[in-house]
Amino acid sequence: MGAAADQTVWFYPELARDLEEVRKGVLLKAERDSERIYLLTALGAPEIAILANNSAEPFNLLCLFKEISLSWIVLPRAYELLEKQHCRCLPYYLRYMLKEKNPRFLKVISRILIEFFGNFAKKFMDEDIDSQRAADILFYGYSTLFWKNLRDPPHGFEDIALFDIYLNWTQAFWKRFDAGREDMEKMIGCMSDVKRKLFLRPGNNTGPEVSNDPSWLQVVLRHGQLGIGAAVEYLLPVHSDGTLKTHRYSIRDLPGKIWPLLRTLKEQYPAESYRTRESTRKFLIILKHRCLDPDAVTLNQETAQERFIRFRTAALIQDVLKSISRSEADHSRRPPS
């Protein structure tokens, strides 16, 4: 996929303009979606039906064109559409990705590039390489990147779940080119299972028990808001009315469930990146507040012992917060190496 024969780096003004237009469209759509989700949560079924009917009016449908980016998607990455010359656009995409700060658009750019690299390599790989070997190189290469990015996402990419993009590509690759390969099917099942265990969806009551191994929490908290939400939802889930769920274990077992995790977090905290340390602190603060929130429990059903355990758990969390704060202060006083 190397550079052009004359060592020229190709840049396209039209590409730069189109990319910026796509970026604005993506961010506008994300902002409007967030507003709509917030509003819909406050509406009942009759109001939602009226809103849907109004949205289908011709005038309102025409207004949607103002929200649609006209140049989606700029870099071809579908297997049938790829041409060798498309690789000349990559330098600009890579530069754009490295300077992008908004996680929503960073995820879009990352997905485009990951899909492009995989499909381009498949289509234009050296003809001397056996097709079976080529499939192994691509599939297991992307599988390795799934595990690498799941365990330790690169700096600046903590909030976009890169591992999920690699998983989606390997699934698409297997279905299209090697659906009969049982080894690939088994690997995809393993990756999907680990993802499901680590990142439980809110309200998912069927998730497996993962807290027997304290290291899972370290991995989850390396993934920004996604990880914080998954960790809190697993340890102290709440019903839609804000009250605590205790279906996974009794409130009396809470300290025994949480303490091994807190101890591991405290021990490994100094070795984590700045972004992960920040996520760890946010997670602990949310967890403590959820323990102390008087609206999170049905007070007339809570025994004195359960109330004591809730406050004792919050105290354990506060002790860990103090400990890592001291660790952070010591770290900041160290002379640069």
C-alpha atoms as a PDB file:
ATOM      1  CA  MET A   1       0.000   0.000   0.000  1.00  0.00           C
ATOM      2  CA  GLY A   2       3.080   2.242  -0.086  1.00  0.00           C
ATOM      3  CA  ALA A   3       3.585   5.788  -1.298  1.00  0.00           C
ATOM      4  CA  ALA A   4       3.226   6.879  -4.906  1.00  0.00           C
ATOM      5  CA  ALA A   5       6.126   5.956  -7.202  1.00  0.00           C
ATOM      6  CA  ASP A   6       7.533   9.501  -7.217  1.00  0.00           C
ATOM      7  CA  GLN A   7       7.469   9.681  -3.377  1.00  0.00           C
ATOM      8  CA  THR A   8       4.795  12.397  -3.575  1.00  0.00           C
ATOM      9  CA  VAL A   9       2.298  12.740  -0.734  1.00  0.00           C
ATOM     10  CA  TRP A  10      -1.127  13.443  -2.212  1.00  0.00           C
ATOM     11  CA  PHE A  11      -3.509  15.912  -0.624  1.00  0.00           C
ATOM     12  CA  TYR A  12      -6.940  16.853  -1.931  1.00  0.00           C
ATOM     13  CA  PRO A  13      -8.548  20.216  -1.020  1.00  0.00           C
ATOM     14  CA  GLU A  14     -11.935  18.710  -1.864  1.00  0.00           C
ATOM     15  CA  LEU A  15     -11.300  15.870   0.578  1.00  0.00           C
ATOM     16  CA  ALA A  16     -10.437  18.305   3.372  1.00  0.00           C
ATOM     17  CA  ARG A  17     -13.619  20.287   2.734  1.00  0.00           C
ATOM     18  CA  ASP A  18     -15.764  17.164   2.544  1.00  0.00           C
ATOM     19  CA  LEU A  19     -14.309  15.739   5.759  1.00  0.00           C
ATOM     20  CA  GLU A  20     -15.081  18.917   7.649  1.00  0.00           C
ATOM     21  CA  GLU A  21     -18.639  18.832   6.279  1.00  0.00           C
ATOM     22  CA  VAL A  22     -19.042  15.212   7.411  1.00  0.00           C
ATOM     23  CA  ARG A  23     -17.693  16.126  10.845  1.00  0.00           C
ATOM     24  CA  LYS A  24     -20.253  18.918  11.258  1.00  0.00           C
ATOM     25  CA  GLY A  25     -23.044  16.594  10.151  1.00  0.00           C
ATOM     26  CA  VAL A  26     -22.012  13.868  12.590  1.00  0.00           C
ATOM     27  CA  LEU A  27     -21.778  16.264  15.547  1.00  0.00           C
ATOM     28  CA  LEU A  28     -25.095  17.927  14.695  1.00  0.00           C
ATOM     29  CA  LYS A  29     -26.838  14.560  14.480  1.00  0.00           C
ATOM     30  CA  ALA A  30     -25.293  13.435  17.785  1.00  0.00           C
ATOM     31  CA  GLU A  31     -26.428  16.634  19.501  1.00  0.00           C
ATOM     32  CA  ARG A  32     -29.974  16.327  18.154  1.00  0.00           C
ATOM     33  CA  ASP A  33     -30.158  12.630  19.051  1.00  0.00           C
ATOM     34  CA  SER A  34     -29.116  13.413  22.629  1.00  0.00           C
ATOM     35  CA  GLU A  35     -31.823  16.085  22.889  1.00  0.00           C
ATOM     36  CA  ARG A  36     -34.456  13.747  21.475  1.00  0.00           C
ATOM     37  CA  ILE A  37     -33.549  10.888  23.790  1.00  0.00           C
ATOM     38  CA  TYR A  38     -33.743  13.249  26.775  1.00  0.00           C
ATOM     39  CA  LEU A  39     -37.185  14.495  25.690  1.00  0.00           C
ATOM     40  CA  LEU A  40     -38.552  11.032  24.863  1.00  0.00           C
ATOM     41  CA  THR A  41     -37.773   9.722  28.338  1.00  0.00           C
ATOM     42  CA  ALA A  42     -40.291  12.218  29.740  1.00  0.00           C
ATOM     43  CA  LEU A  43     -43.087  11.300  27.303  1.00  0.00           C
ATOM     44  CA  GLY A  44     -45.731   8.615  27.538  1.00  0.00           C
ATOM     45  CA  ALA A  45     -46.916   6.339  24.722  1.00  0.00           C
ATOM     46  CA  PRO A  46     -49.749   8.674  23.484  1.00  0.00           C
ATOM     47  CA  GLU A  47     -47.411  11.678  23.289  1.00  0.00           C
ATOM     48  CA  ILE A  48     -44.765   9.624  21.416  1.00  0.00           C
ATOM     49  CA  ALA A  49     -47.404   8.488  18.872  1.00  0.00           C
ATOM     50  CA  ILE A  50     -48.495  12.103  18.241  1.00  0.00           C
ATOM     51  CA  LEU A  51     -44.861  13.176  17.857  1.00  0.00           C
ATOM     52  CA  ALA A  52     -44.195  10.378  15.333  1.00  0.00           C
ATOM     53  CA  ASN A  53     -47.227  11.387  13.244  1.00  0.00           C
ATOM     54  CA  ASN A  54     -46.165  15.038  13.211  1.00  0.00           C
ATOM     55  CA  SER A  55     -42.623  14.082  12.171  1.00  0.00           C
ATOM     56  CA  ALA A  56     -44.008  12.242   9.122  1.00  0.00           C
ATOM     57  CA  GLU A  57     -45.593  15.415   7.720  1.00  0.00           C
ATOM     58  CA  PRO A  58     -44.014  16.407   4.352  1.00  0.00           C
ATOM     59  CA  PHE A  59     -42.711  19.748   5.632  1.00  0.00           C
ATOM     60  CA  ASN A  60     -40.983  18.126   8.607  1.00  0.00           C
ATOM     61  CA  LEU A  61     -39.453  15.444   6.383  1.00  0.00           C
ATOM     62  CA  LEU A  62     -37.998  18.129   4.120  1.00  0.00           C
ATOM     63  CA  CYS A  63     -36.399  19.753   7.149  1.00  0.00           C
ATOM     64  CA  LEU A  64     -34.407  16.561   7.735  1.00  0.00           C
ATOM     65  CA  PHE A  65     -32.241  17.370   4.715  1.00  0.00           C
ATOM     66  CA  LYS A  66     -30.691  20.207   6.694  1.00  0.00           C
ATOM     67  CA  GLU A  67     -29.343  17.644   9.171  1.00  0.00           C
ATOM     68  CA  ILE A  68     -27.884  15.196   6.637  1.00  0.00           C
ATOM     69  CA  SER A  69     -24.248  15.549   5.643  1.00  0.00           C
ATOM     70  CA  LEU A  70     -24.140  15.543   1.820  1.00  0.00           C
ATOM     71  CA  SER A  71     -20.777  13.777   1.449  1.00  0.00           C
ATOM     72  CA  TRP A  72     -21.168  10.683   3.597  1.00  0.00           C
ATOM     73  CA  ILE A  73     -18.853   8.682   3.384  1.00  0.00           C
ATOM     74  CA  VAL A  74     -15.817  10.249   1.645  1.00  0.00           C
ATOM     75  CA  LEU A  75     -13.187   7.494   1.671  1.00  0.00           C
ATOM     76  CA  PRO A  76     -14.494   4.361  -0.123  1.00  0.00           C
ATOM     77  CA  ARG A  77     -13.960   1.296   2.045  1.00  0.00           C
ATOM     78  CA  ALA A  78     -16.523  -1.166   0.663  1.00  0.00           C
ATOM     79  CA  TYR A  79     -14.673  -4.097  -0.866  1.00  0.00           C
ATOM     80  CA  GLU A  80     -16.209  -3.750  -4.355  1.00  0.00           C
ATOM     81  CA  LEU A  81     -15.508  -0.010  -4.617  1.00  0.00           C
ATOM     82  CA  LEU A  82     -11.853  -0.017  -3.553  1.00  0.00           C
ATOM     83  CA  GLU A  83      -9.149   1.064  -5.999  1.00  0.00           C
ATOM     84  CA  LYS A  84      -5.402   1.146  -5.397  1.00  0.00           C
ATOM     85  CA  GLN A  85      -5.256   4.915  -5.806  1.00  0.00           C
ATOM     86  CA  HIS A  86      -7.519   5.374  -2.757  1.00  0.00           C
ATOM     87  CA  CYS A  87      -4.560   4.734  -0.466  1.00  0.00           C
ATOM     88  CA  ARG A  88      -3.233   8.159  -1.481  1.00  0.00           C
ATOM     89  CA  CYS A  89      -5.970   9.761   0.663  1.00  0.00           C
ATOM     90  CA  LEU A  90      -4.753   8.058   3.833  1.00  0.00           C
ATOM     91  CA  PRO A  91      -2.164  10.656   4.970  1.00  0.00           C
ATOM     92  CA  TYR A  92      -4.861  13.289   5.312  1.00  0.00           C
ATOM     93  CA  TYR A  93      -7.220  10.926   7.143  1.00  0.00           C
ATOM     94  CA  LEU A  94      -4.459   9.933   9.555  1.00  0.00           C
ATOM     95  CA  ARG A  95      -3.544  13.541  10.268  1.00  0.00           C
ATOM     96  CA  TYR A  96      -7.202  14.383  10.802  1.00  0.00           C
ATOM     97  CA  MET A  97      -7.633  11.451  13.176  1.00  0.00           C
ATOM     98  CA  LEU A  98      -4.590  12.372  15.270  1.00  0.00           C
ATOM     99  CA  LYS A  99      -5.794  15.942  15.858  1.00  0.00           C
ATOM    100  CA  GLU A 100      -9.491  15.125  16.417  1.00  0.00           C
ATOM    101  CA  LYS A 101     -10.688  15.705  19.994  1.00  0.00           C
ATOM    102  CA  ASN A 102     -14.407  14.951  19.742  1.00  0.00           C
ATOM    103  CA  PRO A 103     -14.926  11.248  20.587  1.00  0.00           C
ATOM    104  CA  ARG A 104     -18.035  10.894  18.403  1.00  0.00           C
ATOM    105  CA  PHE A 105     -16.291  11.871  15.198  1.00  0.00           C
ATOM    106  CA  LEU A 106     -13.042  10.206  16.246  1.00  0.00           C
ATOM    107  CA  LYS A 107     -14.959   6.927  16.371  1.00  0.00           C
ATOM    108  CA  VAL A 108     -16.357   7.529  12.873  1.00  0.00           C
ATOM    109  CA  ILE A 109     -12.888   8.254  11.433  1.00  0.00           C
ATOM    110  CA  SER A 110     -11.383   5.257  13.248  1.00  0.00           C
ATOM    111  CA  ARG A 111     -14.075   2.933  11.937  1.00  0.00           C
ATOM    112  CA  ILE A 112     -13.560   4.155   8.367  1.00  0.00           C
ATOM    113  CA  LEU A 113      -9.806   3.604   8.540  1.00  0.00           C
ATOM    114  CA  ILE A 114      -9.984   0.199  10.232  1.00  0.00           C
ATOM    115  CA  GLU A 115     -12.475  -1.059   7.653  1.00  0.00           C
ATOM    116  CA  PHE A 116     -10.450   0.477   4.823  1.00  0.00           C
ATOM    117  CA  PHE A 117      -7.166  -1.141   5.882  1.00  0.00           C
ATOM    118  CA  GLY A 118      -8.750  -4.564   6.292  1.00  0.00           C
ATOM    119  CA  ASN A 119     -10.660  -4.568   3.005  1.00  0.00           C
ATOM    120  CA  PHE A 120      -7.791  -2.971   1.073  1.00  0.00           C
ATOM    121  CA  ALA A 121      -5.341  -5.589   2.339  1.00  0.00           C
ATOM    122  CA  LYS A 122      -7.750  -8.387   1.406  1.00  0.00           C
ATOM    123  CA  LYS A 123      -8.342  -7.060  -2.104  1.00  0.00           C
ATOM    124  CA  PHE A 124      -4.789  -6.102  -3.053  1.00  0.00           C
ATOM    125  CA  MET A 125      -2.671  -8.574  -1.087  1.00  0.00           C
ATOM    126  CA  ASP A 126       0.243 -10.077  -3.015  1.00  0.00           C
ATOM    127  CA  GLU A 127      -1.028 -12.775  -5.362  1.00  0.00           C
ATOM    128  CA  ASP A 128       1.856 -15.044  -4.319  1.00  0.00           C
ATOM    129  CA  ILE A 129       0.303 -15.418  -0.863  1.00  0.00           C
ATOM    130  CA  ASP A 130      -2.039 -18.383  -0.560  1.00  0.00           C
ATOM    131  CA  SER A 131      -5.672 -17.311  -0.004  1.00  0.00           C
ATOM    132  CA  GLN A 132      -5.935 -19.409   3.168  1.00  0.00           C
ATOM    133  CA  ARG A 133      -2.807 -17.822   4.601  1.00  0.00           C
ATOM    134  CA  ALA A 134      -4.043 -14.348   3.624  1.00  0.00           C
ATOM    135  CA  ALA A 135      -7.325 -14.963   5.454  1.00  0.00           C
ATOM    136  CA  ASP A 136      -5.422 -16.116   8.549  1.00  0.00           C
ATOM    137  CA  ILE A 137      -3.166 -13.049   8.485  1.00  0.00           C
ATOM    138  CA  LEU A 138      -6.088 -10.632   8.288  1.00  0.00           C
ATOM    139  CA  PHE A 139      -8.537 -12.346  10.620  1.00  0.00           C
ATOM    140  CA  TYR A 140      -6.102 -13.189  13.395  1.00  0.00           C
ATOM    141  CA  GLY A 141      -4.288  -9.878  12.981  1.00  0.00           C
ATOM    142  CA  TYR A 142      -7.516  -8.000  13.621  1.00  0.00           C
ATOM    143  CA  SER A 143      -8.424 -10.419  16.428  1.00  0.00           C
ATOM    144  CA  THR A 144      -5.107  -9.603  18.090  1.00  0.00           C
ATOM    145  CA  LEU A 145      -5.883  -5.896  17.781  1.00  0.00           C
ATOM    146  CA  PHE A 146      -9.242  -6.550  19.467  1.00  0.00           C
ATOM    147  CA  TRP A 147      -7.530  -8.069  22.528  1.00  0.00           C
ATOM    148  CA  LYS A 148      -4.810  -5.406  22.578  1.00  0.00           C
ATOM    149  CA  ASN A 149      -7.241  -2.489  22.421  1.00  0.00           C
ATOM    150  CA  LEU A 150      -9.615  -4.121  24.899  1.00  0.00           C
ATOM    151  CA  ARG A 151      -6.889  -4.537  27.491  1.00  0.00           C
ATOM    152  CA  ASP A 152      -5.070  -1.259  26.883  1.00  0.00           C
ATOM    153  CA  PRO A 153      -6.658   1.338  24.544  1.00  0.00           C
ATOM    154  CA  PRO A 154      -4.227   3.910  23.087  1.00  0.00           C
ATOM    155  CA  HIS A 155      -4.012   7.359  24.615  1.00  0.00           C
ATOM    156  CA  GLY A 156      -6.814   9.612  23.401  1.00  0.00           C
ATOM    157  CA  PHE A 157      -8.985   6.697  22.231  1.00  0.00           C
ATOM    158  CA  GLU A 158     -10.347   5.581  25.606  1.00  0.00           C
ATOM    159  CA  ASP A 159     -13.928   6.731  24.948  1.00  0.00           C
ATOM    160  CA  ILE A 160     -14.555   5.222  21.511  1.00  0.00           C
ATOM    161  CA  ALA A 161     -14.338   1.437  22.133  1.00  0.00           C
ATOM    162  CA  LEU A 162     -11.822   0.627  19.384  1.00  0.00           C
ATOM    163  CA  PHE A 163     -12.035  -3.042  20.346  1.00  0.00           C
ATOM    164  CA  ASP A 164     -15.683  -3.082  19.229  1.00  0.00           C
ATOM    165  CA  ILE A 165     -14.757  -1.856  15.737  1.00  0.00           C
ATOM    166  CA  TYR A 166     -12.204  -4.647  15.367  1.00  0.00           C
ATOM    167  CA  LEU A 167     -14.761  -7.199  16.562  1.00  0.00           C
ATOM    168  CA  ASN A 168     -17.357  -5.990  14.065  1.00  0.00           C
ATOM    169  CA  TRP A 169     -14.863  -6.208  11.191  1.00  0.00           C
ATOM    170  CA  THR A 170     -13.776  -9.751  12.066  1.00  0.00           C
ATOM    171  CA  GLN A 171     -17.441 -10.814  12.217  1.00  0.00           C
ATOM    172  CA  ALA A 172     -18.126  -9.263   8.804  1.00  0.00           C
ATOM    173  CA  PHE A 173     -14.961 -10.815   7.344  1.00  0.00           C
ATOM    174  CA  TRP A 174     -15.843 -14.294   8.610  1.00  0.00           C
ATOM    175  CA  LYS A 175     -19.436 -14.123   7.320  1.00  0.00           C
ATOM    176  CA  ARG A 176     -18.374 -12.959   3.879  1.00  0.00           C
ATOM    177  CA  PHE A 177     -15.213 -14.903   3.114  1.00  0.00           C
ATOM    178  CA  ASP A 178     -14.783 -17.824   5.523  1.00  0.00           C
ATOM    179  CA  ALA A 179     -18.151 -18.699   7.058  1.00  0.00           C
ATOM    180  CA  GLY A 180     -17.171 -22.378   7.121  1.00  0.00           C
ATOM    181  CA  ARG A 181     -14.111 -21.856   9.317  1.00  0.00           C
ATOM    182  CA  GLU A 182     -14.937 -23.212  12.783  1.00  0.00           C
ATOM    183  CA  ASP A 183     -11.742 -21.810  14.303  1.00  0.00           C
ATOM    184  CA  MET A 184     -12.778 -18.291  13.295  1.00  0.00           C
ATOM    185  CA  GLU A 185     -16.315 -18.832  14.558  1.00  0.00           C
ATOM    186  CA  LYS A 186     -14.922 -19.999  17.905  1.00  0.00           C
ATOM    187  CA  MET A 187     -12.647 -16.950  18.175  1.00  0.00           C
ATOM    188  CA  ILE A 188     -15.528 -14.573  17.396  1.00  0.00           C
ATOM    189  CA  GLY A 189     -17.650 -16.290  20.037  1.00  0.00           C
ATOM    190  CA  CYS A 190     -14.851 -15.904  22.585  1.00  0.00           C
ATOM    191  CA  MET A 191     -14.388 -12.203  21.824  1.00  0.00           C
ATOM    192  CA  SER A 192     -18.129 -11.517  21.940  1.00  0.00           C
ATOM    193  CA  ASP A 193     -18.465 -13.372  25.232  1.00  0.00           C
ATOM    194  CA  VAL A 194     -15.682 -11.380  26.892  1.00  0.00           C
ATOM    195  CA  LYS A 195     -17.169  -8.115  25.651  1.00  0.00           C
ATOM    196  CA  ARG A 196     -20.583  -9.122  27.014  1.00  0.00           C
ATOM    197  CA  LYS A 197     -19.118 -10.040  30.393  1.00  0.00           C
ATOM    198  CA  LEU A 198     -17.175  -6.801  30.796  1.00  0.00           C
ATOM    199  CA  PHE A 199     -19.671  -4.304  29.426  1.00  0.00           C
ATOM    200  CA  LEU A 200     -23.102  -5.282  30.698  1.00  0.00           C
ATOM    201  CA  ARG A 201     -25.931  -3.266  29.210  1.00  0.00           C
ATOM    202  CA  PRO A 202     -28.075  -1.330  31.701  1.00  0.00           C
ATOM    203  CA  GLY A 203     -30.937  -3.533  32.829  1.00  0.00           C
ATOM    204  CA  ASN A 204     -29.213  -6.751  31.721  1.00  0.00           C
ATOM    205  CA  ASN A 205     -29.930  -9.174  34.553  1.00  0.00           C
ATOM    206  CA  THR A 206     -28.459 -12.228  32.870  1.00  0.00           C
ATOM    207  CA  GLY A 207     -24.800 -11.204  32.858  1.00  0.00           C
ATOM    208  CA  PRO A 208     -22.317 -13.749  34.224  1.00  0.00           C
ATOM    209  CA  GLU A 209     -20.455 -13.320  37.485  1.00  0.00           C
ATOM    210  CA  VAL A 210     -17.160 -11.613  36.660  1.00  0.00           C
ATOM    211  CA  SER A 211     -16.136 -10.084  39.983  1.00  0.00           C
ATOM    212  CA  ASN A 212     -14.379 -13.276  41.141  1.00  0.00           C
ATOM    213  CA  ASP A 213     -11.344 -11.943  39.243  1.00  0.00           C
ATOM    214  CA  PRO A 214     -10.650  -8.374  40.446  1.00  0.00           C
ATOM    215  CA  SER A 215      -8.594  -7.509  37.359  1.00  0.00           C
ATOM    216  CA  TRP A 216     -11.736  -7.135  35.201  1.00  0.00           C
ATOM    217  CA  LEU A 217     -12.473  -3.773  36.805  1.00  0.00           C
ATOM    218  CA  GLN A 218      -9.050  -2.400  35.838  1.00  0.00           C
ATOM    219  CA  VAL A 219      -9.686  -3.295  32.200  1.00  0.00           C
ATOM    220  CA  VAL A 220     -13.185  -1.811  32.162  1.00  0.00           C
ATOM    221  CA  LEU A 221     -12.107   1.501  33.704  1.00  0.00           C
ATOM    222  CA  ARG A 222      -9.570   2.017  30.905  1.00  0.00           C
ATOM    223  CA  HIS A 223     -12.510   2.720  28.589  1.00  0.00           C
ATOM    224  CA  GLY A 224     -13.739   6.079  29.867  1.00  0.00           C
ATOM    225  CA  GLN A 225     -17.447   6.721  30.358  1.00  0.00           C
ATOM    226  CA  LEU A 226     -18.382   3.375  28.827  1.00  0.00           C
ATOM    227  CA  GLY A 227     -16.318   1.563  31.443  1.00  0.00           C
ATOM    228  CA  ILE A 228     -17.470   3.728  34.347  1.00  0.00           C
ATOM    229  CA  GLY A 229     -21.115   3.120  33.472  1.00  0.00           C
ATOM    230  CA  ALA A 230     -20.617  -0.635  33.072  1.00  0.00           C
ATOM    231  CA  ALA A 231     -18.739  -0.960  36.383  1.00  0.00           C
ATOM    232  CA  VAL A 232     -21.299   1.019  38.396  1.00  0.00           C
ATOM    233  CA  GLU A 233     -24.195  -0.800  36.736  1.00  0.00           C
ATOM    234  CA  TYR A 234     -22.673  -4.149  37.636  1.00  0.00           C
ATOM    235  CA  LEU A 235     -21.797  -3.391  41.259  1.00  0.00           C
ATOM    236  CA  LEU A 236     -24.708  -1.147  42.295  1.00  0.00           C
ATOM    237  CA  PRO A 237     -27.440  -1.255  39.625  1.00  0.00           C
ATOM    238  CA  VAL A 238     -30.588   0.790  40.087  1.00  0.00           C
ATOM    239  CA  HIS A 239     -34.175   0.455  38.921  1.00  0.00           C
ATOM    240  CA  SER A 240     -35.770   3.084  36.674  1.00  0.00           C
ATOM    241  CA  ASP A 241     -37.137   4.781  39.801  1.00  0.00           C
ATOM    242  CA  GLY A 242     -33.595   5.168  41.193  1.00  0.00           C
ATOM    243  CA  THR A 243     -33.808   2.492  43.891  1.00  0.00           C
ATOM    244  CA  LEU A 244     -31.016  -0.039  44.242  1.00  0.00           C
ATOM    245  CA  LYS A 245     -31.349  -3.506  42.737  1.00  0.00           C
ATOM    246  CA  THR A 246     -30.096  -6.347  44.876  1.00  0.00           C
ATOM    247  CA  HIS A 247     -30.966  -9.219  42.556  1.00  0.00           C
ATOM    248  CA  ARG A 248     -27.350 -10.286  41.987  1.00  0.00           C
ATOM    249  CA  TYR A 249     -26.488 -10.538  45.651  1.00  0.00           C
ATOM    250  CA  SER A 250     -27.802  -9.438  49.013  1.00  0.00           C
ATOM    251  CA  ILE A 251     -26.882  -5.954  50.276  1.00  0.00           C
ATOM    252  CA  ARG A 252     -25.255  -7.750  53.174  1.00  0.00           C
ATOM    253  CA  ASP A 253     -22.703  -9.251  50.779  1.00  0.00           C
ATOM    254  CA  LEU A 254     -21.793  -5.852  49.320  1.00  0.00           C
ATOM    255  CA  PRO A 255     -18.563  -5.173  51.272  1.00  0.00           C
ATOM    256  CA  GLY A 256     -17.232  -8.654  50.492  1.00  0.00           C
ATOM    257  CA  LYS A 257     -17.988  -8.160  46.787  1.00  0.00           C
ATOM    258  CA  ILE A 258     -16.524  -4.679  46.510  1.00  0.00           C
ATOM    259  CA  TRP A 259     -13.470  -4.824  48.781  1.00  0.00           C
ATOM    260  CA  PRO A 260     -11.280  -7.127  46.603  1.00  0.00           C
ATOM    261  CA  LEU A 261     -11.976  -4.808  43.671  1.00  0.00           C
ATOM    262  CA  LEU A 262     -11.153  -1.689  45.669  1.00  0.00           C
ATOM    263  CA  ARG A 263      -7.937  -3.209  46.967  1.00  0.00           C
ATOM    264  CA  THR A 264      -6.806  -4.109  43.441  1.00  0.00           C
ATOM    265  CA  LEU A 265      -7.681  -0.635  42.157  1.00  0.00           C
ATOM    266  CA  LYS A 266      -5.658   0.981  44.958  1.00  0.00           C
ATOM    267  CA  GLU A 267      -2.627  -1.227  44.368  1.00  0.00           C
ATOM    268  CA  GLN A 268      -2.568  -0.739  40.589  1.00  0.00           C
ATOM    269  CA  TYR A 269      -3.589   2.930  40.555  1.00  0.00           C
ATOM    270  CA  PRO A 270      -0.051   4.440  40.314  1.00  0.00           C
ATOM    271  CA  ALA A 271       0.769   2.278  37.266  1.00  0.00           C
ATOM    272  CA  GLU A 272      -2.279   3.365  35.254  1.00  0.00           C
ATOM    273  CA  SER A 273      -2.394   6.167  32.692  1.00  0.00           C
ATOM    274  CA  TYR A 274      -3.621   9.639  33.611  1.00  0.00           C
ATOM    275  CA  ARG A 275      -6.922   9.056  31.784  1.00  0.00           C
ATOM    276  CA  THR A 276      -7.524   5.751  33.594  1.00  0.00           C
ATOM    277  CA  ARG A 277      -6.700   7.290  36.973  1.00  0.00           C
ATOM    278  CA  GLU A 278      -9.243  10.004  36.208  1.00  0.00           C
ATOM    279  CA  SER A 279     -11.870   7.378  35.323  1.00  0.00           C
ATOM    280  CA  THR A 280     -11.064   5.469  38.522  1.00  0.00           C
ATOM    281  CA  ARG A 281     -11.697   8.529  40.668  1.00  0.00           C
ATOM    282  CA  LYS A 282     -14.989   9.295  38.887  1.00  0.00           C
ATOM    283  CA  PHE A 283     -16.105   5.679  39.299  1.00  0.00           C
ATOM    284  CA  LEU A 284     -15.371   5.670  43.033  1.00  0.00           C
ATOM    285  CA  ILE A 285     -17.173   8.984  43.584  1.00  0.00           C
ATOM    286  CA  ILE A 286     -20.295   7.768  41.750  1.00  0.00           C
ATOM    287  CA  LEU A 287     -20.206   4.463  43.630  1.00  0.00           C
ATOM    288  CA  LYS A 288     -19.924   6.220  46.996  1.00  0.00           C
ATOM    289  CA  HIS A 289     -22.780   8.603  46.210  1.00  0.00           C
ATOM    290  CA  ARG A 290     -24.972   5.706  45.131  1.00  0.00           C
ATOM    291  CA  CYS A 291     -24.296   3.990  48.463  1.00  0.00           C
ATOM    292  CA  LEU A 292     -25.250   7.117  50.407  1.00  0.00           C
ATOM    293  CA  ASP A 293     -28.176   8.295  48.279  1.00  0.00           C
ATOM    294  CA  PRO A 294     -31.289   8.136  50.504  1.00  0.00           C
ATOM    295  CA  ASP A 295     -33.478   7.890  47.398  1.00  0.00           C
ATOM    296  CA  ALA A 296     -31.625   4.751  46.262  1.00  0.00           C
ATOM    297  CA  VAL A 297     -33.168   2.524  48.903  1.00  0.00           C
ATOM    298  CA  THR A 298     -36.681   1.737  50.020  1.00  0.00           C
ATOM    299  CA  LEU A 299     -36.206   2.996  53.560  1.00  0.00           C
ATOM    300  CA  ASN A 300     -39.198   1.255  55.075  1.00  0.00           C
ATOM    301  CA  GLN A 301     -37.819  -2.085  53.829  1.00  0.00           C
ATOM    302  CA  GLU A 302     -34.211  -1.515  54.903  1.00  0.00           C
ATOM    303  CA  THR A 303     -33.090  -3.038  58.190  1.00  0.00           C
ATOM    304  CA  ALA A 304     -30.689  -1.292  60.575  1.00  0.00           C
ATOM    305  CA  GLN A 305     -28.021  -3.814  59.638  1.00  0.00           C
ATOM    306  CA  GLU A 306     -28.408  -3.146  55.913  1.00  0.00           C
ATOM    307  CA  ARG A 307     -28.227   0.603  56.523  1.00  0.00           C
ATOM    308  CA  PHE A 308     -25.020   0.106  58.510  1.00  0.00           C
ATOM    309  CA  ILE A 309     -23.554  -2.003  55.684  1.00  0.00           C
ATOM    310  CA  ARG A 310     -24.364   0.669  53.089  1.00  0.00           C
ATOM    311  CA  PHE A 311     -22.613   3.343  55.104  1.00  0.00           C
ATOM    312  CA  ARG A 312     -19.702   1.008  55.883  1.00  0.00           C
ATOM    313  CA  THR A 313     -19.262   0.332  52.170  1.00  0.00           C
ATOM    314  CA  ALA A 314     -19.275   4.063  51.445  1.00  0.00           C
ATOM    315  CA  ALA A 315     -16.599   4.514  54.120  1.00  0.00           C
ATOM    316  CA  LEU A 316     -14.430   1.838  52.472  1.00  0.00           C
ATOM    317  CA  ILE A 317     -14.756   3.655  49.145  1.00  0.00           C
ATOM    318  CA  GLN A 318     -13.872   6.975  50.779  1.00  0.00           C
ATOM    319  CA  ASP A 319     -10.744   5.419  52.322  1.00  0.00           C
ATOM    320  CA  VAL A 320      -9.612   4.276  48.881  1.00  0.00           C
ATOM    321  CA  LEU A 321     -10.296   7.730  47.447  1.00  0.00           C
ATOM    322  CA  LYS A 322      -8.108   9.288  50.136  1.00  0.00           C
ATOM    323  CA  SER A 323      -5.376   6.751  49.488  1.00  0.00           C
ATOM    324  CA  ILE A 324      -5.251   7.337  45.737  1.00  0.00           C
ATOM    325  CA  SER A 325      -5.389  11.116  46.286  1.00  0.00           C
ATOM    326  CA  ARG A 326      -2.229  10.828  48.385  1.00  0.00           C
ATOM    327  CA  SER A 327      -0.695   8.671  45.669  1.00  0.00           C
ATOM    328  CA  GLU A 328      -1.583  11.309  43.070  1.00  0.00           C
ATOM    329  CA  ALA A 329      -0.018  14.035  45.202  1.00  0.00           C
ATOM    330  CA  ASP A 330       3.185  12.025  45.644  1.00  0.00           C
ATOM    331  CA  HIS A 331       3.298  11.379  41.910  1.00  0.00           C
ATOM    332  CA  SER A 332       2.979  15.095  41.097  1.00  0.00           C
ATOM    333  CA  ARG A 333       5.842  15.968  43.498  1.00  0.00           C
ATOM    334  CA  ARG A 334       8.261  13.559  41.849  1.00  0.00           C
ATOM    335  CA  PRO A 335      10.962  15.166  39.732  1.00  0.00           C
ATOM    336  CA  PRO A 336      10.659  14.428  36.005  1.00  0.00           C
ATOM    337  CA  SER A 337      12.736  11.433  34.916  1.00  0.00           C
END
